[in-house]
Amino acid sequence: ALGHYAIWQKAAQATGWTVVLEDDALLQQGWTASMLQHVLDTSTHDVVWLEGRSCPHFTNPGRGHGASRSVHTGWGTTAYAVTPSAAARMVKQYDFGAPVDLWMQKHTSSGCEIAKDHDPSLPMLPFKEGKVQSEIQSPVLGRRK
């Protein structure tokens, strides 16, 4: 939570979108920086999820007339973007007792945006969660794995 909070403090002073990536964020093949910028420029939200766990996924279960259903795969903050105004609100309102991903879902105007002219051969969102083992060191906490 402290890492996200520190980034929000910096994002509140920025002049545009801030993209927040955790250490296990992997850029999906085919996505480019200009495509990501286009998604953010056309967004109607002030927080945009860029990785799928915080977005409903639609699947076709093969029943009915092509009806699809929403399948939720969990929450996460692997990759998202935030505007300066949203970041400033988040800094003022964040409850340090709450997990960041759940708090953001409840307290921000967030959405999952894809480009309106999205190439169907590409993944719907630019990032995915990787399975990276990271080692965190802190003078206070010591080593954690």
C-alpha atoms as a PDB file:
ATOM      1  CA  ALA A   1       0.000   0.000   0.000  1.00  0.00           C
ATOM      2  CA  LEU A   2       2.795   2.432   0.808  1.00  0.00           C
ATOM      3  CA  GLY A   3       4.301   2.091  -2.668  1.00  0.00           C
ATOM      4  CA  HIS A   4       1.002   2.888  -4.368  1.00  0.00           C
ATOM      5  CA  TYR A   5       0.386   5.781  -1.969  1.00  0.00           C
ATOM      6  CA  ALA A   6       3.837   7.253  -2.729  1.00  0.00           C
ATOM      7  CA  ILE A   7       3.172   7.011  -6.467  1.00  0.00           C
ATOM      8  CA  TRP A   8      -0.227   8.686  -6.028  1.00  0.00           C
ATOM      9  CA  GLN A   9       1.510  11.576  -4.252  1.00  0.00           C
ATOM     10  CA  LYS A  10       3.783  12.062  -7.280  1.00  0.00           C
ATOM     11  CA  ALA A  11       0.926  11.494  -9.751  1.00  0.00           C
ATOM     12  CA  ALA A  12      -1.091  14.247  -8.078  1.00  0.00           C
ATOM     13  CA  GLN A  13       1.664  16.693  -9.134  1.00  0.00           C
ATOM     14  CA  ALA A  14       1.919  15.378 -12.718  1.00  0.00           C
ATOM     15  CA  THR A  15       0.458  17.126 -15.752  1.00  0.00           C
ATOM     16  CA  GLY A  16      -1.135  14.037 -17.290  1.00  0.00           C
ATOM     17  CA  TRP A  17      -1.807  10.359 -16.783  1.00  0.00           C
ATOM     18  CA  THR A  18       0.519   8.322 -14.578  1.00  0.00           C
ATOM     19  CA  VAL A  19       0.818   4.628 -15.426  1.00  0.00           C
ATOM     20  CA  VAL A  20       1.417   2.496 -12.327  1.00  0.00           C
ATOM     21  CA  LEU A  21       3.044  -0.893 -12.866  1.00  0.00           C
ATOM     22  CA  GLU A  22       3.890  -3.466 -10.238  1.00  0.00           C
ATOM     23  CA  ASP A  23       7.046  -5.564 -10.610  1.00  0.00           C
ATOM     24  CA  ASP A  24       5.109  -8.451 -12.176  1.00  0.00           C
ATOM     25  CA  ALA A  25       3.379  -6.405 -14.921  1.00  0.00           C
ATOM     26  CA  LEU A  26       4.116  -7.755 -18.388  1.00  0.00           C
ATOM     27  CA  LEU A  27       3.325  -5.821 -21.567  1.00  0.00           C
ATOM     28  CA  GLN A  28       1.182  -7.947 -23.865  1.00  0.00           C
ATOM     29  CA  GLN A  29       2.651  -8.701 -27.278  1.00  0.00           C
ATOM     30  CA  GLY A  30       1.524  -6.241 -29.951  1.00  0.00           C
ATOM     31  CA  TRP A  31       0.724  -3.316 -27.654  1.00  0.00           C
ATOM     32  CA  THR A  32       2.693  -0.082 -28.093  1.00  0.00           C
ATOM     33  CA  ALA A  33       3.034   3.109 -26.076  1.00  0.00           C
ATOM     34  CA  SER A  34       1.040   5.076 -28.677  1.00  0.00           C
ATOM     35  CA  MET A  35      -1.828   2.551 -28.473  1.00  0.00           C
ATOM     36  CA  LEU A  36      -1.849   2.848 -24.688  1.00  0.00           C
ATOM     37  CA  GLN A  37      -1.832   6.652 -24.930  1.00  0.00           C
ATOM     38  CA  HIS A  38      -4.819   6.506 -27.294  1.00  0.00           C
ATOM     39  CA  VAL A  39      -6.766   4.407 -24.773  1.00  0.00           C
ATOM     40  CA  LEU A  40      -6.018   6.904 -21.993  1.00  0.00           C
ATOM     41  CA  ASP A  41      -6.750   9.948 -24.162  1.00  0.00           C
ATOM     42  CA  THR A  42     -10.228   8.623 -24.998  1.00  0.00           C
ATOM     43  CA  SER A  43     -11.088   7.361 -21.503  1.00  0.00           C
ATOM     44  CA  THR A  44     -14.107   8.653 -19.609  1.00  0.00           C
ATOM     45  CA  HIS A  45     -12.691   7.480 -16.252  1.00  0.00           C
ATOM     46  CA  ASP A  46     -10.037   8.966 -13.991  1.00  0.00           C
ATOM     47  CA  VAL A  47      -8.590   5.551 -13.113  1.00  0.00           C
ATOM     48  CA  VAL A  48      -8.155   2.985 -15.891  1.00  0.00           C
ATOM     49  CA  TRP A  49      -7.338  -0.665 -15.225  1.00  0.00           C
ATOM     50  CA  LEU A  50      -4.706  -1.889 -17.679  1.00  0.00           C
ATOM     51  CA  GLU A  51      -4.602  -5.522 -16.536  1.00  0.00           C
ATOM     52  CA  GLY A  52      -7.545  -7.866 -16.577  1.00  0.00           C
ATOM     53  CA  ARG A  53      -8.011  -9.097 -13.018  1.00  0.00           C
ATOM     54  CA  SER A  54      -9.889  -5.943 -12.039  1.00  0.00           C
ATOM     55  CA  CYS A  55     -12.036  -6.051 -15.177  1.00  0.00           C
ATOM     56  CA  PRO A  56     -14.918  -8.379 -15.933  1.00  0.00           C
ATOM     57  CA  HIS A  57     -14.091 -10.775 -18.750  1.00  0.00           C
ATOM     58  CA  PHE A  58     -16.748 -11.878 -21.153  1.00  0.00           C
ATOM     59  CA  THR A  59     -16.830 -15.440 -22.370  1.00  0.00           C
ATOM     60  CA  ASN A  60     -19.211 -17.272 -24.616  1.00  0.00           C
ATOM     61  CA  PRO A  61     -20.308 -20.367 -22.729  1.00  0.00           C
ATOM     62  CA  GLY A  62     -21.936 -21.777 -25.854  1.00  0.00           C
ATOM     63  CA  ARG A  63     -25.495 -21.564 -24.532  1.00  0.00           C
ATOM     64  CA  GLY A  64     -28.379 -19.704 -26.025  1.00  0.00           C
ATOM     65  CA  HIS A  65     -28.079 -17.232 -28.871  1.00  0.00           C
ATOM     66  CA  GLY A  66     -24.418 -16.367 -28.387  1.00  0.00           C
ATOM     67  CA  ALA A  67     -25.198 -14.963 -24.956  1.00  0.00           C
ATOM     68  CA  SER A  68     -22.133 -14.091 -22.970  1.00  0.00           C
ATOM     69  CA  ARG A  69     -21.661 -13.887 -19.251  1.00  0.00           C
ATOM     70  CA  SER A  70     -19.298 -11.895 -17.104  1.00  0.00           C
ATOM     71  CA  VAL A  71     -16.580 -13.877 -15.362  1.00  0.00           C
ATOM     72  CA  HIS A  72     -14.584 -12.118 -12.653  1.00  0.00           C
ATOM     73  CA  THR A  73     -11.102 -13.446 -11.941  1.00  0.00           C
ATOM     74  CA  GLY A  74     -10.181 -11.405  -8.847  1.00  0.00           C
ATOM     75  CA  TRP A  75      -8.770  -8.003  -8.008  1.00  0.00           C
ATOM     76  CA  GLY A  76      -5.313  -6.623  -8.476  1.00  0.00           C
ATOM     77  CA  THR A  77      -3.244  -3.502  -8.998  1.00  0.00           C
ATOM     78  CA  THR A  78      -0.681  -4.970 -11.396  1.00  0.00           C
ATOM     79  CA  ALA A  79      -1.245  -2.196 -13.961  1.00  0.00           C
ATOM     80  CA  TYR A  80      -3.443   0.889 -13.935  1.00  0.00           C
ATOM     81  CA  ALA A  81      -3.336   4.553 -14.894  1.00  0.00           C
ATOM     82  CA  VAL A  82      -4.482   7.510 -12.829  1.00  0.00           C
ATOM     83  CA  THR A  83      -5.107  11.213 -13.518  1.00  0.00           C
ATOM     84  CA  PRO A  84      -3.632  13.922 -11.268  1.00  0.00           C
ATOM     85  CA  SER A  85      -7.052  14.825  -9.836  1.00  0.00           C
ATOM     86  CA  ALA A  86      -7.874  11.190  -9.030  1.00  0.00           C
ATOM     87  CA  ALA A  87      -4.449  10.691  -7.461  1.00  0.00           C
ATOM     88  CA  ALA A  88      -4.931  13.763  -5.242  1.00  0.00           C
ATOM     89  CA  ARG A  89      -8.320  12.436  -4.058  1.00  0.00           C
ATOM     90  CA  MET A  90      -6.843   8.995  -3.419  1.00  0.00           C
ATOM     91  CA  VAL A  91      -4.031  10.469  -1.292  1.00  0.00           C
ATOM     92  CA  LYS A  92      -6.572  12.344   0.848  1.00  0.00           C
ATOM     93  CA  GLN A  93      -9.042   9.473   1.197  1.00  0.00           C
ATOM     94  CA  TYR A  94      -7.039   6.230   1.320  1.00  0.00           C
ATOM     95  CA  ASP A  95      -7.718   3.985   4.318  1.00  0.00           C
ATOM     96  CA  PHE A  96      -4.432   2.280   5.196  1.00  0.00           C
ATOM     97  CA  GLY A  97      -6.346  -0.606   6.774  1.00  0.00           C
ATOM     98  CA  ALA A  98      -7.808  -1.650   3.417  1.00  0.00           C
ATOM     99  CA  PRO A  99      -6.126  -3.600   0.605  1.00  0.00           C
ATOM    100  CA  VAL A 100      -5.276  -1.145  -2.196  1.00  0.00           C
ATOM    101  CA  ASP A 101      -7.020  -3.065  -4.984  1.00  0.00           C
ATOM    102  CA  LEU A 102     -10.326  -3.476  -3.112  1.00  0.00           C
ATOM    103  CA  TRP A 103     -10.262   0.119  -1.876  1.00  0.00           C
ATOM    104  CA  MET A 104      -9.646   1.445  -5.402  1.00  0.00           C
ATOM    105  CA  GLN A 105     -12.558  -0.554  -6.813  1.00  0.00           C
ATOM    106  CA  LYS A 106     -14.909   0.904  -4.208  1.00  0.00           C
ATOM    107  CA  HIS A 107     -13.664   4.505  -4.008  1.00  0.00           C
ATOM    108  CA  THR A 108     -12.615   5.541  -7.514  1.00  0.00           C
ATOM    109  CA  SER A 109     -14.328   6.150 -10.823  1.00  0.00           C
ATOM    110  CA  SER A 110     -12.464   3.335 -12.503  1.00  0.00           C
ATOM    111  CA  GLY A 111     -13.034   1.463 -15.702  1.00  0.00           C
ATOM    112  CA  CYS A 112     -11.615  -0.962 -18.191  1.00  0.00           C
ATOM    113  CA  GLU A 113     -11.026   0.819 -21.453  1.00  0.00           C
ATOM    114  CA  ILE A 114     -10.064  -0.606 -24.798  1.00  0.00           C
ATOM    115  CA  ALA A 115      -9.474   1.341 -27.959  1.00  0.00           C
ATOM    116  CA  LYS A 116     -12.626   1.699 -30.040  1.00  0.00           C
ATOM    117  CA  ASP A 117     -10.618   0.622 -33.083  1.00  0.00           C
ATOM    118  CA  HIS A 118      -9.000  -2.280 -31.166  1.00  0.00           C
ATOM    119  CA  ASP A 119      -7.295  -4.871 -33.352  1.00  0.00           C
ATOM    120  CA  PRO A 120      -9.055  -8.166 -32.512  1.00  0.00           C
ATOM    121  CA  SER A 121      -5.796 -10.079 -33.007  1.00  0.00           C
ATOM    122  CA  LEU A 122      -4.338  -8.321 -29.925  1.00  0.00           C
ATOM    123  CA  PRO A 123      -5.140  -8.976 -26.261  1.00  0.00           C
ATOM    124  CA  MET A 124      -7.939  -6.705 -25.010  1.00  0.00           C
ATOM    125  CA  LEU A 125      -5.790  -5.044 -22.319  1.00  0.00           C
ATOM    126  CA  PRO A 126      -2.135  -3.971 -22.591  1.00  0.00           C
ATOM    127  CA  PHE A 127      -0.733  -5.737 -19.523  1.00  0.00           C
ATOM    128  CA  LYS A 128      -0.993  -9.085 -17.818  1.00  0.00           C
ATOM    129  CA  GLU A 129       0.173 -10.323 -14.461  1.00  0.00           C
ATOM    130  CA  GLY A 130       3.416 -12.281 -14.648  1.00  0.00           C
ATOM    131  CA  LYS A 131       4.600 -14.837 -12.194  1.00  0.00           C
ATOM    132  CA  VAL A 132       7.678 -12.987 -10.985  1.00  0.00           C
ATOM    133  CA  GLN A 133       9.337 -13.856  -7.699  1.00  0.00           C
ATOM    134  CA  SER A 134      10.501 -10.602  -6.194  1.00  0.00           C
ATOM    135  CA  GLU A 135      12.600 -10.005  -3.144  1.00  0.00           C
ATOM    136  CA  ILE A 136      11.784  -6.974  -1.039  1.00  0.00           C
ATOM    137  CA  GLN A 137      14.355  -5.493   1.320  1.00  0.00           C
ATOM    138  CA  SER A 138      13.661  -2.900   3.954  1.00  0.00           C
ATOM    139  CA  PRO A 139      15.875  -1.600   6.751  1.00  0.00           C
ATOM    140  CA  VAL A 140      12.835  -1.859   9.050  1.00  0.00           C
ATOM    141  CA  LEU A 141      11.280  -5.118   7.906  1.00  0.00           C
ATOM    142  CA  GLY A 142      14.383  -7.042   6.855  1.00  0.00           C
ATOM    143  CA  ARG A 143      14.206  -9.512   3.958  1.00  0.00           C
ATOM    144  CA  ARG A 144      10.930 -10.955   2.727  1.00  0.00           C
ATOM    145  CA  LYS A 145      10.300 -13.351  -0.098  1.00  0.00           C
END
